[in-house]
Amino acid sequence: MLTKTVKISNVTNLSDARYCAGMGVEMLGFSIDEDSPNYISPKKFEDICSWLAGVTLVAETAKTDPDAILTTLADYPVHAVQVNDPGLLNYLRTELGLPLLLRVSVDLYEAGEIVAILSRYEGEVTHFLLESDNGAELSESWMQVLASIEADYPVLVGFGLDNEFTVSALTELLPNIGIALRGSEEIRPGYKDFGSMMDILEALEEQ
């Protein structure tokens, strides 16, 4: 089993899903936005999840229309929902009664600004996912901020994780921090090179 809470985002294939679930990953995320390159249809979601057990299935959406999100979610029997817009949290929590995750793009904030976001919304989410679309690094300022908040907020770090050595160092310095990785496409159906994901997950296994 893994020593940290781990979420895999953008899962698009059974190979990723089964491997990660077998490794003890806690959460698997699936994009339900049709305009996303990682979109997964309700049928494919059902096919993949029929092979899984003991893992939290998370619907991932960047949409901002709460009613559209609710309509889409009717086709996805998930255990939790991840959104980008914090303005949705209160409404969705009331309507869904499911755990919510808030994705925060670190490209939009300085490290020191993140604490205000976490403190404002901590009562509405189970986890904060910190990710970057621009290859942000885990700078010294980010490490200092993460060290100051790791014991107080349920944070999943999903940026600056270049390899298993980075992840091992991060989790040694910050024992309460969670890790977020992203799935990738199969080379061909049923064939997958897990590469760095495998190295990172193996580094997080209990010795």
N, C-alpha and C. Protein backbone atom coordinates (compact mmCIF):
# COMPACT_ATOMS: atom_id res chain seq x y z
N MET A 1 0.84 -1.20 0.00
CA MET A 1 0.00 0.00 0.00
C MET A 1 0.87 1.25 0.00
N LEU A 2 0.24 2.36 -0.36
CA LEU A 2 0.98 3.61 -0.45
C LEU A 2 1.00 4.33 0.89
N THR A 3 2.06 5.09 1.10
CA THR A 3 2.22 5.80 2.37
C THR A 3 1.55 7.16 2.36
N LYS A 4 1.08 7.61 1.20
CA LYS A 4 0.46 8.93 1.08
C LYS A 4 -0.88 8.82 0.38
N THR A 5 -1.73 9.82 0.59
CA THR A 5 -2.93 9.95 -0.22
C THR A 5 -2.51 10.33 -1.63
N VAL A 6 -2.95 9.55 -2.62
CA VAL A 6 -2.59 9.82 -4.01
C VAL A 6 -3.85 9.87 -4.86
N LYS A 7 -3.91 10.88 -5.73
CA LYS A 7 -4.98 10.99 -6.72
C LYS A 7 -4.36 10.96 -8.11
N ILE A 8 -4.96 10.20 -9.01
CA ILE A 8 -4.56 10.20 -10.41
C ILE A 8 -5.64 10.91 -11.19
N SER A 9 -5.29 12.01 -11.84
CA SER A 9 -6.25 12.79 -12.63
C SER A 9 -6.22 12.36 -14.09
N ASN A 10 -7.26 12.75 -14.81
CA ASN A 10 -7.31 12.55 -16.27
C ASN A 10 -7.14 11.09 -16.68
N VAL A 11 -7.75 10.19 -15.95
CA VAL A 11 -7.69 8.78 -16.33
C VAL A 11 -8.55 8.56 -17.57
N THR A 12 -7.97 7.92 -18.59
CA THR A 12 -8.71 7.71 -19.84
C THR A 12 -8.73 6.25 -20.29
N ASN A 13 -8.07 5.38 -19.55
CA ASN A 13 -8.00 3.99 -20.02
C ASN A 13 -7.96 3.02 -18.85
N LEU A 14 -8.34 1.79 -19.15
CA LEU A 14 -8.42 0.75 -18.13
C LEU A 14 -7.04 0.39 -17.60
N SER A 15 -6.02 0.47 -18.44
CA SER A 15 -4.66 0.13 -18.00
C SER A 15 -4.24 0.99 -16.81
N ASP A 16 -4.38 2.32 -16.96
CA ASP A 16 -4.06 3.23 -15.86
C ASP A 16 -4.90 2.91 -14.63
N ALA A 17 -6.21 2.77 -14.85
CA ALA A 17 -7.14 2.60 -13.74
C ALA A 17 -6.83 1.35 -12.93
N ARG A 18 -6.63 0.23 -13.61
CA ARG A 18 -6.38 -1.02 -12.90
C ARG A 18 -5.02 -1.02 -12.21
N TYR A 19 -4.01 -0.48 -12.90
CA TYR A 19 -2.68 -0.44 -12.29
C TYR A 19 -2.70 0.41 -11.03
N CYS A 20 -3.27 1.61 -11.14
CA CYS A 20 -3.27 2.53 -10.00
C CYS A 20 -4.12 2.00 -8.85
N ALA A 21 -5.26 1.43 -9.16
CA ALA A 21 -6.10 0.86 -8.10
C ALA A 21 -5.36 -0.29 -7.41
N GLY A 22 -4.65 -1.10 -8.19
CA GLY A 22 -3.90 -2.20 -7.62
C GLY A 22 -2.75 -1.74 -6.74
N MET A 23 -2.21 -0.56 -7.04
CA MET A 23 -1.12 -0.01 -6.24
C MET A 23 -1.61 0.65 -4.95
N GLY A 24 -2.92 0.82 -4.83
CA GLY A 24 -3.47 1.42 -3.63
C GLY A 24 -3.73 2.91 -3.72
N VAL A 25 -3.81 3.43 -4.96
CA VAL A 25 -4.17 4.83 -5.15
C VAL A 25 -5.57 5.06 -4.58
N GLU A 26 -5.76 6.17 -3.88
CA GLU A 26 -7.03 6.41 -3.20
C GLU A 26 -8.10 6.94 -4.13
N MET A 27 -7.71 7.83 -5.08
CA MET A 27 -8.68 8.50 -5.95
C MET A 27 -8.27 8.42 -7.41
N LEU A 28 -9.24 8.13 -8.27
CA LEU A 28 -9.05 8.18 -9.72
C LEU A 28 -10.01 9.23 -10.29
N GLY A 29 -9.47 10.17 -11.06
CA GLY A 29 -10.27 11.25 -11.62
C GLY A 29 -10.54 11.07 -13.10
N PHE A 30 -11.76 11.39 -13.51
CA PHE A 30 -12.19 11.25 -14.90
C PHE A 30 -12.82 12.56 -15.36
N SER A 31 -12.36 13.09 -16.50
CA SER A 31 -12.93 14.33 -17.01
C SER A 31 -14.29 14.06 -17.64
N ILE A 32 -15.30 14.81 -17.21
CA ILE A 32 -16.65 14.65 -17.77
C ILE A 32 -17.00 15.80 -18.72
N ASP A 33 -16.01 16.63 -19.06
CA ASP A 33 -16.23 17.75 -19.98
C ASP A 33 -15.98 17.30 -21.41
N GLU A 34 -16.99 17.40 -22.26
CA GLU A 34 -16.87 16.91 -23.63
C GLU A 34 -15.81 17.66 -24.43
N ASP A 35 -15.50 18.90 -24.04
CA ASP A 35 -14.49 19.67 -24.78
C ASP A 35 -13.08 19.45 -24.24
N SER A 36 -12.93 18.56 -23.29
CA SER A 36 -11.60 18.27 -22.74
C SER A 36 -10.92 17.19 -23.57
N PRO A 37 -9.61 17.32 -23.80
CA PRO A 37 -8.89 16.25 -24.51
C PRO A 37 -8.87 14.94 -23.73
N ASN A 38 -9.17 15.01 -22.45
CA ASN A 38 -9.18 13.81 -21.61
C ASN A 38 -10.59 13.33 -21.30
N TYR A 39 -11.57 13.85 -22.06
CA TYR A 39 -12.97 13.49 -21.82
C TYR A 39 -13.19 11.98 -21.90
N ILE A 40 -14.00 11.49 -20.99
CA ILE A 40 -14.36 10.08 -21.01
C ILE A 40 -15.88 9.97 -20.99
N SER A 41 -16.42 9.24 -21.93
CA SER A 41 -17.87 9.14 -22.08
C SER A 41 -18.46 8.31 -20.94
N PRO A 42 -19.77 8.47 -20.68
CA PRO A 42 -20.40 7.66 -19.64
C PRO A 42 -20.22 6.16 -19.87
N LYS A 43 -20.29 5.73 -21.14
CA LYS A 43 -20.15 4.30 -21.44
C LYS A 43 -18.73 3.82 -21.12
N LYS A 44 -17.73 4.59 -21.53
CA LYS A 44 -16.35 4.19 -21.25
C LYS A 44 -16.08 4.24 -19.76
N PHE A 45 -16.63 5.23 -19.09
CA PHE A 45 -16.50 5.32 -17.63
C PHE A 45 -17.06 4.06 -16.98
N GLU A 46 -18.23 3.66 -17.42
CA GLU A 46 -18.86 2.46 -16.87
C GLU A 46 -18.02 1.22 -17.14
N ASP A 47 -17.49 1.12 -18.36
CA ASP A 47 -16.68 -0.05 -18.72
C ASP A 47 -15.43 -0.14 -17.84
N ILE A 48 -14.76 1.00 -17.65
CA ILE A 48 -13.54 1.01 -16.84
C ILE A 48 -13.85 0.69 -15.38
N CYS A 49 -14.87 1.34 -14.85
CA CYS A 49 -15.14 1.23 -13.42
C CYS A 49 -15.70 -0.13 -13.03
N SER A 50 -16.22 -0.87 -14.01
CA SER A 50 -16.73 -2.21 -13.70
C SER A 50 -15.60 -3.15 -13.27
N TRP A 51 -14.36 -2.77 -13.58
CA TRP A 51 -13.19 -3.57 -13.21
C TRP A 51 -12.56 -3.12 -11.89
N LEU A 52 -13.09 -2.07 -11.30
CA LEU A 52 -12.44 -1.46 -10.14
C LEU A 52 -13.22 -1.70 -8.86
N ALA A 53 -12.50 -1.72 -7.76
CA ALA A 53 -13.13 -1.80 -6.44
C ALA A 53 -12.21 -1.13 -5.43
N GLY A 54 -12.81 -0.52 -4.42
CA GLY A 54 -12.02 0.03 -3.33
C GLY A 54 -11.30 1.32 -3.64
N VAL A 55 -11.72 2.02 -4.69
CA VAL A 55 -11.08 3.28 -5.05
C VAL A 55 -12.16 4.34 -5.22
N THR A 56 -11.86 5.58 -4.82
CA THR A 56 -12.81 6.69 -4.94
C THR A 56 -12.78 7.23 -6.36
N LEU A 57 -13.94 7.24 -7.01
CA LEU A 57 -14.08 7.73 -8.38
C LEU A 57 -14.49 9.19 -8.35
N VAL A 58 -13.68 10.04 -8.99
CA VAL A 58 -13.89 11.48 -8.94
C VAL A 58 -14.22 12.01 -10.33
N ALA A 59 -15.35 12.71 -10.45
CA ALA A 59 -15.69 13.41 -11.69
C ALA A 59 -14.96 14.74 -11.70
N GLU A 60 -14.24 15.03 -12.78
CA GLU A 60 -13.47 16.27 -12.89
C GLU A 60 -14.13 17.18 -13.93
N THR A 61 -14.41 18.42 -13.54
CA THR A 61 -15.02 19.35 -14.48
C THR A 61 -14.45 20.75 -14.30
N ALA A 62 -14.29 21.43 -15.44
CA ALA A 62 -13.88 22.84 -15.42
C ALA A 62 -15.06 23.75 -15.72
N LYS A 63 -16.26 23.16 -15.86
CA LYS A 63 -17.45 23.94 -16.17
C LYS A 63 -17.80 24.87 -15.01
N THR A 64 -18.53 25.92 -15.33
CA THR A 64 -18.94 26.88 -14.30
C THR A 64 -20.46 26.94 -14.13
N ASP A 65 -21.21 26.26 -14.99
CA ASP A 65 -22.68 26.24 -14.90
C ASP A 65 -23.09 25.07 -14.01
N PRO A 66 -23.59 25.35 -12.81
CA PRO A 66 -23.88 24.26 -11.88
C PRO A 66 -24.96 23.31 -12.39
N ASP A 67 -25.97 23.85 -13.08
CA ASP A 67 -27.04 22.98 -13.57
C ASP A 67 -26.54 22.04 -14.67
N ALA A 68 -25.66 22.55 -15.52
CA ALA A 68 -25.07 21.70 -16.56
C ALA A 68 -24.23 20.60 -15.93
N ILE A 69 -23.52 20.94 -14.87
CA ILE A 69 -22.71 19.94 -14.17
C ILE A 69 -23.61 18.85 -13.58
N LEU A 70 -24.69 19.27 -12.95
CA LEU A 70 -25.61 18.29 -12.34
C LEU A 70 -26.21 17.37 -13.40
N THR A 71 -26.58 17.95 -14.54
CA THR A 71 -27.15 17.14 -15.63
C THR A 71 -26.15 16.10 -16.12
N THR A 72 -24.91 16.53 -16.29
CA THR A 72 -23.88 15.60 -16.76
C THR A 72 -23.60 14.52 -15.72
N LEU A 73 -23.55 14.91 -14.47
CA LEU A 73 -23.23 13.95 -13.40
C LEU A 73 -24.26 12.85 -13.27
N ALA A 74 -25.47 13.08 -13.78
CA ALA A 74 -26.50 12.05 -13.71
C ALA A 74 -26.08 10.78 -14.44
N ASP A 75 -25.14 10.91 -15.39
CA ASP A 75 -24.67 9.76 -16.16
C ASP A 75 -23.39 9.14 -15.61
N TYR A 76 -22.89 9.70 -14.51
CA TYR A 76 -21.63 9.22 -13.94
C TYR A 76 -21.81 8.90 -12.46
N PRO A 77 -21.91 7.63 -12.10
CA PRO A 77 -22.06 7.27 -10.68
C PRO A 77 -20.72 7.36 -9.93
N VAL A 78 -20.35 8.58 -9.59
CA VAL A 78 -19.07 8.82 -8.93
C VAL A 78 -19.23 8.96 -7.42
N HIS A 79 -18.09 8.97 -6.73
CA HIS A 79 -18.09 9.12 -5.28
C HIS A 79 -17.77 10.54 -4.84
N ALA A 80 -17.20 11.35 -5.75
CA ALA A 80 -16.78 12.71 -5.41
C ALA A 80 -16.70 13.53 -6.70
N VAL A 81 -16.66 14.86 -6.54
CA VAL A 81 -16.62 15.77 -7.69
C VAL A 81 -15.53 16.81 -7.48
N GLN A 82 -14.75 17.05 -8.53
CA GLN A 82 -13.70 18.07 -8.49
C GLN A 82 -14.07 19.22 -9.42
N VAL A 83 -13.99 20.45 -8.90
CA VAL A 83 -14.31 21.64 -9.69
C VAL A 83 -13.15 22.62 -9.63
N ASN A 84 -13.14 23.55 -10.58
CA ASN A 84 -12.14 24.61 -10.61
C ASN A 84 -12.65 25.90 -10.01
N ASP A 85 -13.98 26.07 -10.03
CA ASP A 85 -14.61 27.33 -9.61
C ASP A 85 -15.11 27.20 -8.17
N PRO A 86 -14.49 27.90 -7.23
CA PRO A 86 -14.94 27.78 -5.83
C PRO A 86 -16.36 28.28 -5.60
N GLY A 87 -16.85 29.12 -6.53
CA GLY A 87 -18.21 29.61 -6.40
C GLY A 87 -19.27 28.53 -6.53
N LEU A 88 -18.89 27.36 -7.02
CA LEU A 88 -19.82 26.25 -7.18
C LEU A 88 -19.97 25.40 -5.92
N LEU A 89 -19.03 25.52 -5.01
CA LEU A 89 -18.92 24.56 -3.92
C LEU A 89 -20.17 24.48 -3.05
N ASN A 90 -20.66 25.60 -2.61
CA ASN A 90 -21.79 25.59 -1.69
C ASN A 90 -23.03 24.97 -2.34
N TYR A 91 -23.30 25.36 -3.58
CA TYR A 91 -24.48 24.85 -4.30
C TYR A 91 -24.35 23.35 -4.55
N LEU A 92 -23.21 22.92 -5.04
CA LEU A 92 -23.03 21.51 -5.35
C LEU A 92 -23.05 20.64 -4.10
N ARG A 93 -22.51 21.17 -3.04
CA ARG A 93 -22.52 20.40 -1.79
C ARG A 93 -23.96 20.15 -1.34
N THR A 94 -24.80 21.18 -1.48
CA THR A 94 -26.21 21.05 -1.10
C THR A 94 -26.95 20.10 -2.02
N GLU A 95 -26.72 20.22 -3.33
CA GLU A 95 -27.46 19.44 -4.31
C GLU A 95 -27.00 18.00 -4.42
N LEU A 96 -25.71 17.77 -4.26
CA LEU A 96 -25.16 16.44 -4.50
C LEU A 96 -24.98 15.60 -3.24
N GLY A 97 -24.59 16.26 -2.17
CA GLY A 97 -24.27 15.51 -0.96
C GLY A 97 -23.06 14.62 -1.12
N LEU A 98 -22.16 14.99 -2.06
CA LEU A 98 -20.94 14.23 -2.30
C LEU A 98 -19.72 15.03 -1.84
N PRO A 99 -18.63 14.35 -1.51
CA PRO A 99 -17.39 15.08 -1.21
C PRO A 99 -16.95 15.89 -2.43
N LEU A 100 -16.39 17.07 -2.17
CA LEU A 100 -15.94 17.96 -3.24
C LEU A 100 -14.45 18.23 -3.11
N LEU A 101 -13.79 18.31 -4.26
CA LEU A 101 -12.39 18.71 -4.33
C LEU A 101 -12.31 20.01 -5.12
N LEU A 102 -11.43 20.91 -4.71
CA LEU A 102 -11.22 22.16 -5.44
C LEU A 102 -9.85 22.14 -6.08
N ARG A 103 -9.84 22.24 -7.41
CA ARG A 103 -8.56 22.34 -8.13
C ARG A 103 -8.14 23.80 -8.18
N VAL A 104 -6.94 24.07 -7.73
CA VAL A 104 -6.40 25.43 -7.72
C VAL A 104 -5.18 25.46 -8.65
N SER A 105 -5.23 26.32 -9.65
CA SER A 105 -4.10 26.45 -10.57
C SER A 105 -3.03 27.33 -9.95
N VAL A 106 -1.85 26.77 -9.72
CA VAL A 106 -0.77 27.56 -9.12
C VAL A 106 -0.19 28.55 -10.12
N ASP A 107 -0.60 28.44 -11.39
CA ASP A 107 -0.15 29.41 -12.39
C ASP A 107 -0.77 30.78 -12.16
N LEU A 108 -1.87 30.81 -11.42
CA LEU A 108 -2.62 32.05 -11.24
C LEU A 108 -2.29 32.77 -9.93
N TYR A 109 -1.52 32.13 -9.07
CA TYR A 109 -1.28 32.69 -7.74
C TYR A 109 0.19 32.60 -7.36
N GLU A 110 0.62 33.55 -6.56
CA GLU A 110 1.91 33.44 -5.90
C GLU A 110 1.76 32.46 -4.73
N ALA A 111 2.85 31.87 -4.33
CA ALA A 111 2.79 30.88 -3.25
C ALA A 111 2.13 31.45 -2.00
N GLY A 112 2.46 32.69 -1.67
CA GLY A 112 1.93 33.29 -0.45
C GLY A 112 0.44 33.59 -0.50
N GLU A 113 -0.15 33.59 -1.69
CA GLU A 113 -1.57 33.89 -1.83
C GLU A 113 -2.46 32.68 -1.60
N ILE A 114 -1.87 31.51 -1.59
CA ILE A 114 -2.67 30.29 -1.59
C ILE A 114 -3.34 30.04 -0.24
N VAL A 115 -2.73 30.51 0.83
CA VAL A 115 -3.27 30.25 2.16
C VAL A 115 -4.66 30.86 2.32
N ALA A 116 -4.86 32.04 1.77
CA ALA A 116 -6.16 32.70 1.88
C ALA A 116 -7.25 31.87 1.21
N ILE A 117 -6.93 31.24 0.09
CA ILE A 117 -7.90 30.40 -0.60
C ILE A 117 -8.23 29.17 0.22
N LEU A 118 -7.20 28.55 0.75
CA LEU A 118 -7.42 27.34 1.55
C LEU A 118 -8.25 27.63 2.79
N SER A 119 -7.93 28.71 3.46
CA SER A 119 -8.65 29.02 4.70
C SER A 119 -10.11 29.39 4.42
N ARG A 120 -10.34 30.01 3.27
CA ARG A 120 -11.71 30.42 2.94
C ARG A 120 -12.61 29.23 2.63
N TYR A 121 -12.08 28.22 1.96
CA TYR A 121 -12.93 27.14 1.46
C TYR A 121 -12.71 25.79 2.15
N GLU A 122 -11.91 25.77 3.20
CA GLU A 122 -11.58 24.47 3.81
C GLU A 122 -12.80 23.73 4.33
N GLY A 123 -13.84 24.48 4.74
CA GLY A 123 -15.02 23.82 5.27
C GLY A 123 -15.91 23.20 4.21
N GLU A 124 -15.62 23.47 2.94
CA GLU A 124 -16.49 23.01 1.86
C GLU A 124 -15.89 21.87 1.03
N VAL A 125 -14.63 21.54 1.25
CA VAL A 125 -13.99 20.52 0.42
C VAL A 125 -13.29 19.47 1.28
N THR A 126 -13.06 18.32 0.66
CA THR A 126 -12.28 17.28 1.34
C THR A 126 -10.80 17.42 1.00
N HIS A 127 -10.50 17.96 -0.20
CA HIS A 127 -9.11 18.14 -0.62
C HIS A 127 -8.97 19.35 -1.54
N PHE A 128 -7.80 19.96 -1.46
CA PHE A 128 -7.39 20.98 -2.43
C PHE A 128 -6.33 20.36 -3.34
N LEU A 129 -6.55 20.46 -4.63
CA LEU A 129 -5.58 19.94 -5.60
C LEU A 129 -4.83 21.11 -6.22
N LEU A 130 -3.53 21.17 -5.99
CA LEU A 130 -2.69 22.24 -6.54
C LEU A 130 -2.00 21.71 -7.79
N GLU A 131 -2.36 22.28 -8.95
CA GLU A 131 -1.80 21.82 -10.22
C GLU A 131 -1.34 22.99 -11.06
N SER A 132 -0.55 22.68 -12.07
CA SER A 132 -0.07 23.69 -13.01
C SER A 132 -0.24 23.17 -14.43
N ASP A 133 -0.67 24.07 -15.32
CA ASP A 133 -0.74 23.74 -16.74
C ASP A 133 0.48 24.25 -17.49
N ASN A 134 1.35 24.94 -16.77
CA ASN A 134 2.52 25.56 -17.41
C ASN A 134 3.85 25.03 -16.89
N GLY A 135 3.82 23.86 -16.28
CA GLY A 135 5.07 23.26 -15.82
C GLY A 135 5.72 23.99 -14.67
N ALA A 136 4.92 24.53 -13.75
CA ALA A 136 5.47 25.26 -12.60
C ALA A 136 6.37 24.36 -11.77
N GLU A 137 7.41 24.97 -11.21
CA GLU A 137 8.36 24.24 -10.38
C GLU A 137 7.97 24.35 -8.90
N LEU A 138 8.43 23.39 -8.13
CA LEU A 138 8.28 23.47 -6.67
C LEU A 138 9.41 24.34 -6.13
N SER A 139 9.21 25.63 -6.20
CA SER A 139 10.24 26.59 -5.80
C SER A 139 10.42 26.60 -4.29
N GLU A 140 11.44 27.30 -3.84
CA GLU A 140 11.68 27.42 -2.41
C GLU A 140 10.50 28.08 -1.71
N SER A 141 9.92 29.09 -2.36
CA SER A 141 8.78 29.77 -1.74
C SER A 141 7.58 28.84 -1.63
N TRP A 142 7.37 28.00 -2.64
CA TRP A 142 6.28 27.04 -2.54
C TRP A 142 6.55 26.01 -1.45
N MET A 143 7.76 25.55 -1.34
CA MET A 143 8.09 24.58 -0.30
C MET A 143 7.86 25.17 1.09
N GLN A 144 8.20 26.43 1.26
CA GLN A 144 7.99 27.08 2.56
C GLN A 144 6.51 27.18 2.89
N VAL A 145 5.71 27.56 1.89
CA VAL A 145 4.27 27.66 2.12
C VAL A 145 3.66 26.29 2.40
N LEU A 146 4.04 25.30 1.62
CA LEU A 146 3.51 23.95 1.85
C LEU A 146 3.89 23.43 3.23
N ALA A 147 5.09 23.74 3.67
CA ALA A 147 5.52 23.31 5.00
C ALA A 147 4.67 23.96 6.09
N SER A 148 4.22 25.19 5.83
CA SER A 148 3.44 25.91 6.84
C SER A 148 1.98 25.49 6.88
N ILE A 149 1.49 24.85 5.81
CA ILE A 149 0.06 24.52 5.75
C ILE A 149 -0.23 23.02 5.77
N GLU A 150 0.78 22.19 5.61
CA GLU A 150 0.51 20.76 5.39
C GLU A 150 -0.23 20.10 6.55
N ALA A 151 -0.01 20.59 7.75
CA ALA A 151 -0.67 19.97 8.90
C ALA A 151 -2.10 20.48 9.08
N ASP A 152 -2.44 21.58 8.41
CA ASP A 152 -3.74 22.22 8.64
C ASP A 152 -4.74 22.02 7.51
N TYR A 153 -4.26 21.74 6.30
CA TYR A 153 -5.15 21.65 5.14
C TYR A 153 -4.89 20.36 4.35
N PRO A 154 -5.95 19.75 3.81
CA PRO A 154 -5.80 18.52 3.02
C PRO A 154 -5.37 18.84 1.59
N VAL A 155 -4.08 18.95 1.37
CA VAL A 155 -3.54 19.40 0.09
C VAL A 155 -2.95 18.22 -0.69
N LEU A 156 -3.27 18.20 -1.98
CA LEU A 156 -2.64 17.27 -2.92
C LEU A 156 -1.77 18.09 -3.86
N VAL A 157 -0.49 17.82 -3.88
CA VAL A 157 0.44 18.56 -4.74
C VAL A 157 0.55 17.84 -6.09
N GLY A 158 0.23 18.56 -7.15
CA GLY A 158 0.25 17.97 -8.48
C GLY A 158 1.11 18.74 -9.46
N PHE A 159 2.12 19.44 -8.97
CA PHE A 159 3.03 20.16 -9.87
C PHE A 159 4.46 20.03 -9.37
N GLY A 160 5.41 20.16 -10.29
CA GLY A 160 6.82 20.08 -9.91
C GLY A 160 7.30 18.70 -9.53
N LEU A 161 6.49 17.69 -9.84
CA LEU A 161 6.85 16.31 -9.47
C LEU A 161 7.50 15.63 -10.67
N ASP A 162 8.77 15.90 -10.88
CA ASP A 162 9.44 15.45 -12.10
C ASP A 162 9.73 13.96 -12.11
N ASN A 163 10.04 13.40 -10.96
CA ASN A 163 10.43 11.99 -10.90
C ASN A 163 10.27 11.47 -9.47
N GLU A 164 10.62 10.20 -9.30
CA GLU A 164 10.44 9.60 -7.98
C GLU A 164 11.33 10.22 -6.92
N PHE A 165 12.46 10.79 -7.34
CA PHE A 165 13.37 11.41 -6.37
C PHE A 165 12.77 12.71 -5.82
N THR A 166 12.15 13.48 -6.71
CA THR A 166 11.46 14.70 -6.28
C THR A 166 10.35 14.36 -5.30
N VAL A 167 9.56 13.35 -5.64
CA VAL A 167 8.44 12.97 -4.79
C VAL A 167 8.92 12.43 -3.45
N SER A 168 9.95 11.62 -3.46
CA SER A 168 10.48 11.08 -2.20
C SER A 168 10.97 12.20 -1.29
N ALA A 169 11.67 13.18 -1.88
CA ALA A 169 12.17 14.31 -1.10
C ALA A 169 11.02 15.13 -0.54
N LEU A 170 10.00 15.36 -1.38
CA LEU A 170 8.85 16.16 -0.96
C LEU A 170 8.12 15.50 0.20
N THR A 171 7.86 14.21 0.08
CA THR A 171 7.09 13.54 1.11
C THR A 171 7.89 13.32 2.38
N GLU A 172 9.20 13.29 2.27
CA GLU A 172 10.03 13.18 3.47
C GLU A 172 10.02 14.50 4.23
N LEU A 173 10.08 15.60 3.49
CA LEU A 173 10.06 16.92 4.13
C LEU A 173 8.67 17.28 4.64
N LEU A 174 7.64 16.83 3.90
CA LEU A 174 6.26 17.19 4.22
C LEU A 174 5.44 15.92 4.38
N PRO A 175 5.49 15.30 5.54
CA PRO A 175 4.88 13.98 5.72
C PRO A 175 3.37 13.94 5.57
N ASN A 176 2.69 15.09 5.72
CA ASN A 176 1.23 15.09 5.65
C ASN A 176 0.70 15.41 4.26
N ILE A 177 1.59 15.72 3.33
CA ILE A 177 1.15 16.18 2.02
C ILE A 177 0.69 15.01 1.16
N GLY A 178 -0.32 15.25 0.33
CA GLY A 178 -0.76 14.24 -0.64
C GLY A 178 -0.15 14.51 -2.00
N ILE A 179 -0.26 13.54 -2.88
CA ILE A 179 0.36 13.62 -4.20
C ILE A 179 -0.71 13.45 -5.28
N ALA A 180 -0.61 14.23 -6.35
CA ALA A 180 -1.52 14.09 -7.48
C ALA A 180 -0.71 13.92 -8.76
N LEU A 181 -1.02 12.88 -9.50
CA LEU A 181 -0.38 12.61 -10.78
C LEU A 181 -1.44 12.59 -11.87
N ARG A 182 -1.01 12.57 -13.12
CA ARG A 182 -1.95 12.55 -14.23
C ARG A 182 -1.79 11.27 -15.04
N GLY A 183 -2.92 10.74 -15.49
CA GLY A 183 -2.88 9.58 -16.36
C GLY A 183 -2.37 9.97 -17.73
N SER A 184 -2.15 8.98 -18.58
CA SER A 184 -1.69 9.24 -19.95
C SER A 184 -2.29 8.21 -20.89
N GLU A 185 -2.17 8.48 -22.18
CA GLU A 185 -2.78 7.61 -23.17
C GLU A 185 -2.05 6.27 -23.26
N GLU A 186 -2.79 5.26 -23.66
CA GLU A 186 -2.18 3.97 -23.98
C GLU A 186 -1.43 4.08 -25.30
N ILE A 187 -0.35 3.33 -25.45
CA ILE A 187 0.37 3.27 -26.72
C ILE A 187 -0.52 2.64 -27.77
N ARG A 188 -1.18 1.58 -27.39
CA ARG A 188 -2.25 0.97 -28.18
C ARG A 188 -3.15 0.27 -27.17
N PRO A 189 -4.37 -0.09 -27.55
CA PRO A 189 -5.29 -0.68 -26.56
C PRO A 189 -4.66 -1.83 -25.79
N GLY A 190 -4.68 -1.70 -24.49
CA GLY A 190 -4.16 -2.76 -23.63
C GLY A 190 -2.67 -2.72 -23.39
N TYR A 191 -1.96 -1.79 -24.06
CA TYR A 191 -0.51 -1.72 -23.90
C TYR A 191 -0.13 -0.34 -23.38
N LYS A 192 0.60 -0.31 -22.28
CA LYS A 192 0.87 0.96 -21.62
C LYS A 192 2.28 0.97 -21.04
N ASP A 193 2.98 2.05 -21.28
CA ASP A 193 4.27 2.28 -20.62
C ASP A 193 4.01 3.21 -19.44
N PHE A 194 4.08 2.67 -18.23
CA PHE A 194 3.73 3.47 -17.05
C PHE A 194 4.84 4.43 -16.65
N GLY A 195 6.06 4.16 -17.07
CA GLY A 195 7.16 5.10 -16.93
C GLY A 195 7.28 5.72 -15.56
N SER A 196 7.28 7.06 -15.54
CA SER A 196 7.53 7.79 -14.30
C SER A 196 6.43 7.57 -13.27
N MET A 197 5.18 7.34 -13.73
CA MET A 197 4.11 7.09 -12.77
C MET A 197 4.42 5.85 -11.94
N MET A 198 4.89 4.80 -12.58
CA MET A 198 5.23 3.58 -11.86
C MET A 198 6.37 3.84 -10.88
N ASP A 199 7.38 4.57 -11.32
CA ASP A 199 8.52 4.87 -10.44
C ASP A 199 8.07 5.65 -9.22
N ILE A 200 7.20 6.64 -9.43
CA ILE A 200 6.73 7.48 -8.33
C ILE A 200 5.88 6.66 -7.36
N LEU A 201 4.93 5.88 -7.88
CA LEU A 201 4.07 5.09 -7.00
C LEU A 201 4.88 4.05 -6.22
N GLU A 202 5.86 3.45 -6.87
CA GLU A 202 6.69 2.48 -6.16
C GLU A 202 7.51 3.15 -5.06
N ALA A 203 7.92 4.40 -5.30
CA ALA A 203 8.67 5.14 -4.29
C ALA A 203 7.79 5.47 -3.08
N LEU A 204 6.47 5.51 -3.29
CA LEU A 204 5.54 5.84 -2.22
C LEU A 204 5.01 4.60 -1.50
N GLU A 205 5.41 3.43 -1.95
CA GLU A 205 4.95 2.21 -1.30
C GLU A 205 5.57 2.06 0.08
N GLU A 206 4.83 1.43 0.97
CA GLU A 206 5.36 1.12 2.30
C GLU A 206 6.50 0.13 2.16
N GLN A 207 7.55 0.39 2.89
CA GLN A 207 8.71 -0.51 2.83
C GLN A 207 8.49 -1.70 3.75
